[in-house]
ModelCIF file with pLDDT and N, C-alpha, C, O atoms, coordinates in Angstrom:
data_MODEL
#
_entry.id   MODEL 
#
_entity.id                         1 
_entity.type                       polymer 
_entity.pdbx_number_of_molecules   1 
#
_entity_poly.entity_id                      1 
_entity_poly.type                           'polypeptide(L)' 
_entity_poly.nstd_linkage                   no 
_entity_poly.nstd_monomer                   no 
_entity_poly.pdbx_seq_one_letter_code       ACCLLLISLSDSHADSDCSDVADRITHGGIVWTENAIFVQGTAAPN 
_entity_poly.pdbx_seq_one_letter_code_can   ACCLLLISLSDSHADSDCSDVADRITHGGIVWTENAIFVQGTAAPN 
_entity_poly.pdbx_strand_id                 A 
#
loop_
_entity_poly_seq.entity_id 
_entity_poly_seq.num 
_entity_poly_seq.mon_id 
_entity_poly_seq.hetero 
1 1  ALA n 
1 2  CYS n 
1 3  CYS n 
1 4  LEU n 
1 5  LEU n 
1 6  LEU n 
1 7  ILE n 
1 8  SER n 
1 9  LEU n 
1 10 SER n 
1 11 ASP n 
1 12 SER n 
1 13 HIS n 
1 14 ALA n 
1 15 ASP n 
1 16 SER n 
1 17 ASP n 
1 18 CYS n 
1 19 SER n 
1 20 ASP n 
1 21 VAL n 
1 22 ALA n 
1 23 ASP n 
1 24 ARG n 
1 25 ILE n 
1 26 THR n 
1 27 HIS n 
1 28 GLY n 
1 29 GLY n 
1 30 ILE n 
1 31 VAL n 
1 32 TRP n 
1 33 THR n 
1 34 GLU n 
1 35 ASN n 
1 36 ALA n 
1 37 ILE n 
1 38 PHE n 
1 39 VAL n 
1 40 GLN n 
1 41 GLY n 
1 42 THR n 
1 43 ALA n 
1 44 ALA n 
1 45 PRO n 
1 46 ASN n 
#
_struct_asym.id          A 
_struct_asym.entity_id   1 
#
loop_
_ma_qa_metric.id 
_ma_qa_metric.mode 
_ma_qa_metric.name 
_ma_qa_metric.software_group_id 
_ma_qa_metric.type 
1 global pLDDT . pLDDT 
2 local  pLDDT . pLDDT 
#
_ma_qa_metric_global.metric_id      1 
_ma_qa_metric_global.metric_value   63.28 
_ma_qa_metric_global.model_id       1 
_ma_qa_metric_global.ordinal_id     1 
#
loop_
_ma_qa_metric_local.label_asym_id 
_ma_qa_metric_local.label_comp_id 
_ma_qa_metric_local.label_seq_id 
_ma_qa_metric_local.metric_id 
_ma_qa_metric_local.metric_value 
_ma_qa_metric_local.model_id 
_ma_qa_metric_local.ordinal_id 
A ALA 1  2 39.00 1 1  
A CYS 2  2 35.00 1 2  
A CYS 3  2 32.00 1 3  
A LEU 4  2 32.00 1 4  
A LEU 5  2 30.00 1 5  
A LEU 6  2 31.00 1 6  
A ILE 7  2 29.00 1 7  
A SER 8  2 29.00 1 8  
A LEU 9  2 31.00 1 9  
A SER 10 2 33.00 1 10 
A ASP 11 2 34.00 1 11 
A SER 12 2 36.00 1 12 
A HIS 13 2 39.00 1 13 
A ALA 14 2 38.00 1 14 
A ASP 15 2 39.00 1 15 
A SER 16 2 52.00 1 16 
A ASP 17 2 69.00 1 17 
A CYS 18 2 78.00 1 18 
A SER 19 2 75.00 1 19 
A ASP 20 2 76.00 1 20 
A VAL 21 2 76.00 1 21 
A ALA 22 2 71.00 1 22 
A ASP 23 2 71.00 1 23 
A ARG 24 2 73.00 1 24 
A ILE 25 2 71.00 1 25 
A THR 26 2 68.00 1 26 
A HIS 27 2 72.00 1 27 
A GLY 28 2 78.00 1 28 
A GLY 29 2 84.00 1 29 
A ILE 30 2 87.00 1 30 
A VAL 31 2 87.00 1 31 
A TRP 32 2 88.00 1 32 
A THR 33 2 87.00 1 33 
A GLU 34 2 86.00 1 34 
A ASN 35 2 86.00 1 35 
A ALA 36 2 87.00 1 36 
A ILE 37 2 87.00 1 37 
A PHE 38 2 88.00 1 38 
A VAL 39 2 85.00 1 39 
A GLN 40 2 80.00 1 40 
A GLY 41 2 76.00 1 41 
A THR 42 2 75.00 1 42 
A ALA 43 2 73.00 1 43 
A ALA 44 2 73.00 1 44 
A PRO 45 2 73.00 1 45 
A ASN 46 2 72.00 1 46 
#
loop_
_atom_site.group_PDB 
_atom_site.id 
_atom_site.type_symbol 
_atom_site.label_atom_id 
_atom_site.label_alt_id 
_atom_site.label_comp_id 
_atom_site.label_asym_id 
_atom_site.label_entity_id 
_atom_site.label_seq_id 
_atom_site.pdbx_PDB_ins_code 
_atom_site.Cartn_x 
_atom_site.Cartn_y 
_atom_site.Cartn_z 
_atom_site.occupancy 
_atom_site.B_iso_or_equiv 
_atom_site.pdbx_formal_charge 
_atom_site.auth_seq_id 
_atom_site.auth_comp_id 
_atom_site.auth_asym_id 
_atom_site.auth_atom_id 
_atom_site.pdbx_PDB_model_num 
ATOM 1   N N  . ALA A 1 1  ? 0.845  -1.170  0.000  1.00 39.00 ? 1  ALA A N  1 
ATOM 2   C CA . ALA A 1 1  ? 0.000  0.000   0.000  1.00 39.00 ? 1  ALA A CA 1 
ATOM 3   C C  . ALA A 1 1  ? 0.886  1.227   0.000  1.00 39.00 ? 1  ALA A C  1 
ATOM 4   O O  . ALA A 1 1  ? 2.002  1.198   0.520  1.00 39.00 ? 1  ALA A O  1 
ATOM 5   N N  . CYS A 1 2  ? 0.407  2.269   -0.564 1.00 35.00 ? 2  CYS A N  1 
ATOM 6   C CA . CYS A 1 2  ? 1.202  3.479   -0.589 1.00 35.00 ? 2  CYS A CA 1 
ATOM 7   C C  . CYS A 1 2  ? 0.269  4.651   -0.411 1.00 35.00 ? 2  CYS A C  1 
ATOM 8   O O  . CYS A 1 2  ? -0.592 4.888   -1.258 1.00 35.00 ? 2  CYS A O  1 
ATOM 9   N N  . CYS A 1 3  ? 0.419  5.382   0.661  1.00 32.00 ? 3  CYS A N  1 
ATOM 10  C CA . CYS A 1 3  ? -0.402 6.543   0.851  1.00 32.00 ? 3  CYS A CA 1 
ATOM 11  C C  . CYS A 1 3  ? 0.424  7.706   1.343  1.00 32.00 ? 3  CYS A C  1 
ATOM 12  O O  . CYS A 1 3  ? 1.543  7.531   1.827  1.00 32.00 ? 3  CYS A O  1 
ATOM 13  N N  . LEU A 1 4  ? -0.149 8.923   1.213  1.00 32.00 ? 4  LEU A N  1 
ATOM 14  C CA . LEU A 1 4  ? 0.552  10.105  1.657  1.00 32.00 ? 4  LEU A CA 1 
ATOM 15  C C  . LEU A 1 4  ? 0.141  10.471  3.073  1.00 32.00 ? 4  LEU A C  1 
ATOM 16  O O  . LEU A 1 4  ? 0.428  11.584  3.513  1.00 32.00 ? 4  LEU A O  1 
ATOM 17  N N  . LEU A 1 5  ? -0.509 9.595   3.794  1.00 30.00 ? 5  LEU A N  1 
ATOM 18  C CA . LEU A 1 5  ? -1.014 9.880   5.117  1.00 30.00 ? 5  LEU A CA 1 
ATOM 19  C C  . LEU A 1 5  ? -0.333 8.997   6.143  1.00 30.00 ? 5  LEU A C  1 
ATOM 20  O O  . LEU A 1 5  ? 0.001  7.849   5.849  1.00 30.00 ? 5  LEU A O  1 
ATOM 21  N N  . LEU A 1 6  ? -0.127 9.507   7.325  1.00 31.00 ? 6  LEU A N  1 
ATOM 22  C CA . LEU A 1 6  ? 0.422  8.700   8.406  1.00 31.00 ? 6  LEU A CA 1 
ATOM 23  C C  . LEU A 1 6  ? -0.729 8.035   9.129  1.00 31.00 ? 6  LEU A C  1 
ATOM 24  O O  . LEU A 1 6  ? -1.642 8.700   9.618  1.00 31.00 ? 6  LEU A O  1 
ATOM 25  N N  . ILE A 1 7  ? -0.676 6.693   9.195  1.00 29.00 ? 7  ILE A N  1 
ATOM 26  C CA . ILE A 1 7  ? -1.768 5.919   9.770  1.00 29.00 ? 7  ILE A CA 1 
ATOM 27  C C  . ILE A 1 7  ? -1.221 5.092   10.920 1.00 29.00 ? 7  ILE A C  1 
ATOM 28  O O  . ILE A 1 7  ? -0.083 4.624   10.867 1.00 29.00 ? 7  ILE A O  1 
ATOM 29  N N  . SER A 1 8  ? -2.018 4.913   11.949 1.00 29.00 ? 8  SER A N  1 
ATOM 30  C CA . SER A 1 8  ? -1.600 4.075   13.067 1.00 29.00 ? 8  SER A CA 1 
ATOM 31  C C  . SER A 1 8  ? -1.451 2.642   12.605 1.00 29.00 ? 8  SER A C  1 
ATOM 32  O O  . SER A 1 8  ? -2.383 2.070   12.041 1.00 29.00 ? 8  SER A O  1 
ATOM 33  N N  . LEU A 1 9  ? -0.272 2.050   12.840 1.00 31.00 ? 9  LEU A N  1 
ATOM 34  C CA . LEU A 1 9  ? 0.038  0.738   12.298 1.00 31.00 ? 9  LEU A CA 1 
ATOM 35  C C  . LEU A 1 9  ? 0.209  -0.287  13.398 1.00 31.00 ? 9  LEU A C  1 
ATOM 36  O O  . LEU A 1 9  ? 0.741  0.018   14.465 1.00 31.00 ? 9  LEU A O  1 
ATOM 37  N N  . SER A 1 10 ? -0.251 -1.532  13.132 1.00 33.00 ? 10 SER A N  1 
ATOM 38  C CA . SER A 1 10 ? -0.074 -2.615  14.096 1.00 33.00 ? 10 SER A CA 1 
ATOM 39  C C  . SER A 1 10 ? 1.135  -3.439  13.721 1.00 33.00 ? 10 SER A C  1 
ATOM 40  O O  . SER A 1 10 ? 1.618  -3.352  12.593 1.00 33.00 ? 10 SER A O  1 
ATOM 41  N N  . ASP A 1 11 ? 1.634  -4.243  14.654 1.00 34.00 ? 11 ASP A N  1 
ATOM 42  C CA . ASP A 1 11 ? 2.830  -5.051  14.435 1.00 34.00 ? 11 ASP A CA 1 
ATOM 43  C C  . ASP A 1 11 ? 2.496  -6.522  14.606 1.00 34.00 ? 11 ASP A C  1 
ATOM 44  O O  . ASP A 1 11 ? 3.330  -7.303  15.063 1.00 34.00 ? 11 ASP A O  1 
ATOM 45  N N  . SER A 1 12 ? 1.275  -6.902  14.239 1.00 36.00 ? 12 SER A N  1 
ATOM 46  C CA . SER A 1 12 ? 0.786  -8.238  14.562 1.00 36.00 ? 12 SER A CA 1 
ATOM 47  C C  . SER A 1 12 ? 1.484  -9.346  13.807 1.00 36.00 ? 12 SER A C  1 
ATOM 48  O O  . SER A 1 12 ? 1.437  -10.498 14.237 1.00 36.00 ? 12 SER A O  1 
ATOM 49  N N  . HIS A 1 13 ? 2.144  -9.032  12.674 1.00 39.00 ? 13 HIS A N  1 
ATOM 50  C CA . HIS A 1 13 ? 2.766  -10.079 11.875 1.00 39.00 ? 13 HIS A CA 1 
ATOM 51  C C  . HIS A 1 13 ? 4.284  -10.059 11.960 1.00 39.00 ? 13 HIS A C  1 
ATOM 52  O O  . HIS A 1 13 ? 4.954  -10.758 11.200 1.00 39.00 ? 13 HIS A O  1 
ATOM 53  N N  . ALA A 1 14 ? 4.831  -9.273  12.869 1.00 38.00 ? 14 ALA A N  1 
ATOM 54  C CA . ALA A 1 14 ? 6.287  -9.122  12.928 1.00 38.00 ? 14 ALA A CA 1 
ATOM 55  C C  . ALA A 1 14 ? 6.974  -10.406 13.362 1.00 38.00 ? 14 ALA A C  1 
ATOM 56  O O  . ALA A 1 14 ? 8.123  -10.642 12.989 1.00 38.00 ? 14 ALA A O  1 
ATOM 57  N N  . ASP A 1 15 ? 6.293  -11.244 14.144 1.00 39.00 ? 15 ASP A N  1 
ATOM 58  C CA . ASP A 1 15 ? 6.929  -12.430 14.683 1.00 39.00 ? 15 ASP A CA 1 
ATOM 59  C C  . ASP A 1 15 ? 6.457  -13.704 13.989 1.00 39.00 ? 15 ASP A C  1 
ATOM 60  O O  . ASP A 1 15 ? 6.513  -14.783 14.579 1.00 39.00 ? 15 ASP A O  1 
ATOM 61  N N  . SER A 1 16 ? 5.999  -13.596 12.760 1.00 52.00 ? 16 SER A N  1 
ATOM 62  C CA . SER A 1 16 ? 5.524  -14.770 12.040 1.00 52.00 ? 16 SER A CA 1 
ATOM 63  C C  . SER A 1 16 ? 6.649  -15.781 11.862 1.00 52.00 ? 16 SER A C  1 
ATOM 64  O O  . SER A 1 16 ? 7.815  -15.407 11.738 1.00 52.00 ? 16 SER A O  1 
ATOM 65  N N  . ASP A 1 17 ? 6.296  -17.058 11.850 1.00 69.00 ? 17 ASP A N  1 
ATOM 66  C CA . ASP A 1 17 ? 7.324  -18.089 11.737 1.00 69.00 ? 17 ASP A CA 1 
ATOM 67  C C  . ASP A 1 17 ? 7.915  -18.175 10.344 1.00 69.00 ? 17 ASP A C  1 
ATOM 68  O O  . ASP A 1 17 ? 8.847  -18.950 10.132 1.00 69.00 ? 17 ASP A O  1 
ATOM 69  N N  . CYS A 1 18 ? 7.411  -17.411 9.384  1.00 78.00 ? 18 CYS A N  1 
ATOM 70  C CA . CYS A 1 18 ? 7.993  -17.421 8.041  1.00 78.00 ? 18 CYS A CA 1 
ATOM 71  C C  . CYS A 1 18 ? 8.626  -16.079 7.699  1.00 78.00 ? 18 CYS A C  1 
ATOM 72  O O  . CYS A 1 18 ? 8.934  -15.822 6.535  1.00 78.00 ? 18 CYS A O  1 
ATOM 73  N N  . SER A 1 19 ? 8.823  -15.218 8.698  1.00 75.00 ? 19 SER A N  1 
ATOM 74  C CA . SER A 1 19 ? 9.381  -13.898 8.424  1.00 75.00 ? 19 SER A CA 1 
ATOM 75  C C  . SER A 1 19 ? 10.822 -13.962 7.933  1.00 75.00 ? 19 SER A C  1 
ATOM 76  O O  . SER A 1 19 ? 11.253 -13.096 7.172  1.00 75.00 ? 19 SER A O  1 
ATOM 77  N N  . ASP A 1 20 ? 11.586 -14.996 8.369  1.00 76.00 ? 20 ASP A N  1 
ATOM 78  C CA . ASP A 1 20 ? 12.970 -15.094 7.921  1.00 76.00 ? 20 ASP A CA 1 
ATOM 79  C C  . ASP A 1 20 ? 13.044 -15.420 6.440  1.00 76.00 ? 20 ASP A C  1 
ATOM 80  O O  . ASP A 1 20 ? 13.946 -14.948 5.748  1.00 76.00 ? 20 ASP A O  1 
ATOM 81  N N  . VAL A 1 21 ? 12.100 -16.227 5.940  1.00 76.00 ? 21 VAL A N  1 
ATOM 82  C CA . VAL A 1 21 ? 12.040 -16.520 4.508  1.00 76.00 ? 21 VAL A CA 1 
ATOM 83  C C  . VAL A 1 21 ? 11.577 -15.290 3.744  1.00 76.00 ? 21 VAL A C  1 
ATOM 84  O O  . VAL A 1 21 ? 12.062 -15.012 2.648  1.00 76.00 ? 21 VAL A O  1 
ATOM 85  N N  . ALA A 1 22 ? 10.644 -14.559 4.322  1.00 71.00 ? 22 ALA A N  1 
ATOM 86  C CA . ALA A 1 22 ? 10.100 -13.376 3.654  1.00 71.00 ? 22 ALA A CA 1 
ATOM 87  C C  . ALA A 1 22 ? 11.186 -12.350 3.357  1.00 71.00 ? 22 ALA A C  1 
ATOM 88  O O  . ALA A 1 22 ? 11.086 -11.603 2.383  1.00 71.00 ? 22 ALA A O  1 
ATOM 89  N N  . ASP A 1 23 ? 12.218 -12.310 4.186  1.00 71.00 ? 23 ASP A N  1 
ATOM 90  C CA . ASP A 1 23 ? 13.309 -11.361 3.963  1.00 71.00 ? 23 ASP A CA 1 
ATOM 91  C C  . ASP A 1 23 ? 14.043 -11.621 2.655  1.00 71.00 ? 23 ASP A C  1 
ATOM 92  O O  . ASP A 1 23 ? 14.687 -10.720 2.118  1.00 71.00 ? 23 ASP A O  1 
ATOM 93  N N  . ARG A 1 24 ? 13.954 -12.849 2.135  1.00 73.00 ? 24 ARG A N  1 
ATOM 94  C CA . ARG A 1 24 ? 14.684 -13.204 0.917  1.00 73.00 ? 24 ARG A CA 1 
ATOM 95  C C  . ARG A 1 24 ? 13.794 -13.190 -0.318 1.00 73.00 ? 24 ARG A C  1 
ATOM 96  O O  . ARG A 1 24 ? 14.269 -13.494 -1.412 1.00 73.00 ? 24 ARG A O  1 
ATOM 97  N N  . ILE A 1 25 ? 12.516 -12.846 -0.173 1.00 71.00 ? 25 ILE A N  1 
ATOM 98  C CA . ILE A 1 25 ? 11.582 -12.867 -1.297 1.00 71.00 ? 25 ILE A CA 1 
ATOM 99  C C  . ILE A 1 25 ? 11.540 -11.490 -1.951 1.00 71.00 ? 25 ILE A C  1 
ATOM 100 O O  . ILE A 1 25 ? 11.279 -10.490 -1.283 1.00 71.00 ? 25 ILE A O  1 
ATOM 101 N N  . THR A 1 26 ? 11.796 -11.437 -3.250 1.00 68.00 ? 26 THR A N  1 
ATOM 102 C CA . THR A 1 26 ? 11.710 -10.178 -3.984 1.00 68.00 ? 26 THR A CA 1 
ATOM 103 C C  . THR A 1 26 ? 10.482 -10.119 -4.876 1.00 68.00 ? 26 THR A C  1 
ATOM 104 O O  . THR A 1 26 ? 9.942  -9.036  -5.103 1.00 68.00 ? 26 THR A O  1 
ATOM 105 N N  . HIS A 1 27 ? 10.031 -11.247 -5.385 1.00 72.00 ? 27 HIS A N  1 
ATOM 106 C CA . HIS A 1 27 ? 8.823  -11.265 -6.205 1.00 72.00 ? 27 HIS A CA 1 
ATOM 107 C C  . HIS A 1 27 ? 7.921  -12.422 -5.775 1.00 72.00 ? 27 HIS A C  1 
ATOM 108 O O  . HIS A 1 27 ? 6.796  -12.202 -5.328 1.00 72.00 ? 27 HIS A O  1 
ATOM 109 N N  . GLY A 1 28 ? 8.414  -13.644 -5.911 1.00 78.00 ? 28 GLY A N  1 
ATOM 110 C CA . GLY A 1 28 ? 7.618  -14.789 -5.478 1.00 78.00 ? 28 GLY A CA 1 
ATOM 111 C C  . GLY A 1 28 ? 8.050  -16.060 -6.155 1.00 78.00 ? 28 GLY A C  1 
ATOM 112 O O  . GLY A 1 28 ? 8.727  -16.031 -7.182 1.00 78.00 ? 28 GLY A O  1 
ATOM 113 N N  . GLY A 1 29 ? 7.659  -17.180 -5.578 1.00 84.00 ? 29 GLY A N  1 
ATOM 114 C CA . GLY A 1 29 ? 7.987  -18.481 -6.142 1.00 84.00 ? 29 GLY A CA 1 
ATOM 115 C C  . GLY A 1 29 ? 7.838  -19.568 -5.101 1.00 84.00 ? 29 GLY A C  1 
ATOM 116 O O  . GLY A 1 29 ? 7.366  -19.320 -3.991 1.00 84.00 ? 29 GLY A O  1 
ATOM 117 N N  . ILE A 1 30 ? 8.244  -20.785 -5.466 1.00 87.00 ? 30 ILE A N  1 
ATOM 118 C CA . ILE A 1 30 ? 8.166  -21.932 -4.571 1.00 87.00 ? 30 ILE A CA 1 
ATOM 119 C C  . ILE A 1 30 ? 9.454  -22.029 -3.762 1.00 87.00 ? 30 ILE A C  1 
ATOM 120 O O  . ILE A 1 30 ? 10.550 -21.963 -4.320 1.00 87.00 ? 30 ILE A O  1 
ATOM 121 N N  . VAL A 1 31 ? 9.323  -22.185 -2.456 1.00 87.00 ? 31 VAL A N  1 
ATOM 122 C CA . VAL A 1 31 ? 10.462 -22.471 -1.591 1.00 87.00 ? 31 VAL A CA 1 
ATOM 123 C C  . VAL A 1 31 ? 10.260 -23.899 -1.096 1.00 87.00 ? 31 VAL A C  1 
ATOM 124 O O  . VAL A 1 31 ? 9.491  -24.138 -0.164 1.00 87.00 ? 31 VAL A O  1 
ATOM 125 N N  . TRP A 1 32 ? 10.949 -24.840 -1.721 1.00 88.00 ? 32 TRP A N  1 
ATOM 126 C CA . TRP A 1 32 ? 10.697 -26.255 -1.440 1.00 88.00 ? 32 TRP A CA 1 
ATOM 127 C C  . TRP A 1 32 ? 11.114 -26.657 -0.040 1.00 88.00 ? 32 TRP A C  1 
ATOM 128 O O  . TRP A 1 32 ? 10.503 -27.551 0.546  1.00 88.00 ? 32 TRP A O  1 
ATOM 129 N N  . THR A 1 33 ? 12.140 -26.020 0.514  1.00 87.00 ? 33 THR A N  1 
ATOM 130 C CA . THR A 1 33 ? 12.542 -26.366 1.874  1.00 87.00 ? 33 THR A CA 1 
ATOM 131 C C  . THR A 1 33 ? 11.501 -25.930 2.896  1.00 87.00 ? 33 THR A C  1 
ATOM 132 O O  . THR A 1 33 ? 11.527 -26.386 4.039  1.00 87.00 ? 33 THR A O  1 
ATOM 133 N N  . GLU A 1 34 ? 10.588 -25.055 2.498  1.00 86.00 ? 34 GLU A N  1 
ATOM 134 C CA . GLU A 1 34 ? 9.478  -24.652 3.355  1.00 86.00 ? 34 GLU A CA 1 
ATOM 135 C C  . GLU A 1 34 ? 8.165  -25.281 2.899  1.00 86.00 ? 34 GLU A C  1 
ATOM 136 O O  . GLU A 1 34 ? 7.135  -25.113 3.552  1.00 86.00 ? 34 GLU A O  1 
ATOM 137 N N  . ASN A 1 35 ? 8.200  -26.010 1.774  1.00 86.00 ? 35 ASN A N  1 
ATOM 138 C CA . ASN A 1 35 ? 7.011  -26.639 1.204  1.00 86.00 ? 35 ASN A CA 1 
ATOM 139 C C  . ASN A 1 35 ? 5.878  -25.626 1.046  1.00 86.00 ? 35 ASN A C  1 
ATOM 140 O O  . ASN A 1 35 ? 4.747  -25.874 1.463  1.00 86.00 ? 35 ASN A O  1 
ATOM 141 N N  . ALA A 1 36 ? 6.195  -24.492 0.445  1.00 87.00 ? 36 ALA A N  1 
ATOM 142 C CA . ALA A 1 36 ? 5.199  -23.428 0.342  1.00 87.00 ? 36 ALA A CA 1 
ATOM 143 C C  . ALA A 1 36 ? 5.525  -22.491 -0.809 1.00 87.00 ? 36 ALA A C  1 
ATOM 144 O O  . ALA A 1 36 ? 6.645  -22.458 -1.319 1.00 87.00 ? 36 ALA A O  1 
ATOM 145 N N  . ILE A 1 37 ? 4.505  -21.729 -1.202 1.00 87.00 ? 37 ILE A N  1 
ATOM 146 C CA . ILE A 1 37 ? 4.662  -20.661 -2.185 1.00 87.00 ? 37 ILE A CA 1 
ATOM 147 C C  . ILE A 1 37 ? 4.708  -19.336 -1.433 1.00 87.00 ? 37 ILE A C  1 
ATOM 148 O O  . ILE A 1 37 ? 3.896  -19.095 -0.539 1.00 87.00 ? 37 ILE A O  1 
ATOM 149 N N  . PHE A 1 38 ? 5.654  -18.484 -1.794 1.00 88.00 ? 38 PHE A N  1 
ATOM 150 C CA . PHE A 1 38 ? 5.745  -17.156 -1.213 1.00 88.00 ? 38 PHE A CA 1 
ATOM 151 C C  . PHE A 1 38 ? 5.591  -16.130 -2.335 1.00 88.00 ? 38 PHE A C  1 
ATOM 152 O O  . PHE A 1 38 ? 6.239  -16.246 -3.376 1.00 88.00 ? 38 PHE A O  1 
ATOM 153 N N  . VAL A 1 39 ? 4.748  -15.140 -2.131 1.00 85.00 ? 39 VAL A N  1 
ATOM 154 C CA . VAL A 1 39 ? 4.575  -14.087 -3.140 1.00 85.00 ? 39 VAL A CA 1 
ATOM 155 C C  . VAL A 1 39 ? 4.534  -12.727 -2.447 1.00 85.00 ? 39 VAL A C  1 
ATOM 156 O O  . VAL A 1 39 ? 4.110  -12.599 -1.299 1.00 85.00 ? 39 VAL A O  1 
ATOM 157 N N  . GLN A 1 40 ? 4.982  -11.734 -3.175 1.00 80.00 ? 40 GLN A N  1 
ATOM 158 C CA . GLN A 1 40 ? 4.896  -10.356 -2.708 1.00 80.00 ? 40 GLN A CA 1 
ATOM 159 C C  . GLN A 1 40 ? 3.969  -9.602  -3.642 1.00 80.00 ? 40 GLN A C  1 
ATOM 160 O O  . GLN A 1 40 ? 4.281  -9.417  -4.818 1.00 80.00 ? 40 GLN A O  1 
ATOM 161 N N  . GLY A 1 41 ? 2.844  -9.170  -3.129 1.00 76.00 ? 41 GLY A N  1 
ATOM 162 C CA . GLY A 1 41 ? 1.880  -8.431  -3.940 1.00 76.00 ? 41 GLY A CA 1 
ATOM 163 C C  . GLY A 1 41 ? 2.126  -6.934  -3.861 1.00 76.00 ? 41 GLY A C  1 
ATOM 164 O O  . GLY A 1 41 ? 2.808  -6.460  -2.953 1.00 76.00 ? 41 GLY A O  1 
ATOM 165 N N  . THR A 1 42 ? 1.572  -6.186  -4.810 1.00 75.00 ? 42 THR A N  1 
ATOM 166 C CA . THR A 1 42 ? 1.750  -4.736  -4.847 1.00 75.00 ? 42 THR A CA 1 
ATOM 167 C C  . THR A 1 42 ? 0.447  -4.056  -5.212 1.00 75.00 ? 42 THR A C  1 
ATOM 168 O O  . THR A 1 42 ? -0.372 -4.601  -5.953 1.00 75.00 ? 42 THR A O  1 
ATOM 169 N N  . ALA A 1 43 ? 0.269  -2.860  -4.682 1.00 73.00 ? 43 ALA A N  1 
ATOM 170 C CA . ALA A 1 43 ? -0.875 -2.025  -5.059 1.00 73.00 ? 43 ALA A CA 1 
ATOM 171 C C  . ALA A 1 43 ? -0.593 -0.614  -4.589 1.00 73.00 ? 43 ALA A C  1 
ATOM 172 O O  . ALA A 1 43 ? 0.109  -0.413  -3.598 1.00 73.00 ? 43 ALA A O  1 
ATOM 173 N N  . ALA A 1 44 ? -1.137 0.363   -5.295 1.00 73.00 ? 44 ALA A N  1 
ATOM 174 C CA . ALA A 1 44 ? -0.979 1.761   -4.920 1.00 73.00 ? 44 ALA A CA 1 
ATOM 175 C C  . ALA A 1 44 ? -2.358 2.379   -4.754 1.00 73.00 ? 44 ALA A C  1 
ATOM 176 O O  . ALA A 1 44 ? -3.289 1.989   -5.460 1.00 73.00 ? 44 ALA A O  1 
ATOM 177 N N  . PRO A 1 45 ? -2.513 3.321   -3.850 1.00 73.00 ? 45 PRO A N  1 
ATOM 178 C CA . PRO A 1 45 ? -3.829 3.928   -3.628 1.00 73.00 ? 45 PRO A CA 1 
ATOM 179 C C  . PRO A 1 45 ? -4.232 4.827   -4.780 1.00 73.00 ? 45 PRO A C  1 
ATOM 180 O O  . PRO A 1 45 ? -3.384 5.412   -5.455 1.00 73.00 ? 45 PRO A O  1 
ATOM 181 N N  . ASN A 1 46 ? -5.516 4.930   -4.995 1.00 72.00 ? 46 ASN A N  1 
ATOM 182 C CA . ASN A 1 46 ? -6.062 5.822   -6.012 1.00 72.00 ? 46 ASN A CA 1 
ATOM 183 C C  . ASN A 1 46 ? -6.407 7.145   -5.346 1.00 72.00 ? 46 ASN A C  1 
ATOM 184 O O  . ASN A 1 46 ? -6.887 8.064   -6.009 1.00 72.00 ? 46 ASN A O  1 
#
């Protein structure tokens, strides 16, 4: 998301058990050692 406004943000996903893998994802694909698909989505506000 991309906005020009400062919004109160939560940190509920900071400690996810897949956050270490997420650090290495630039677009998306299969990570077989995790037996999962990881994707990074994008969108901009209108």
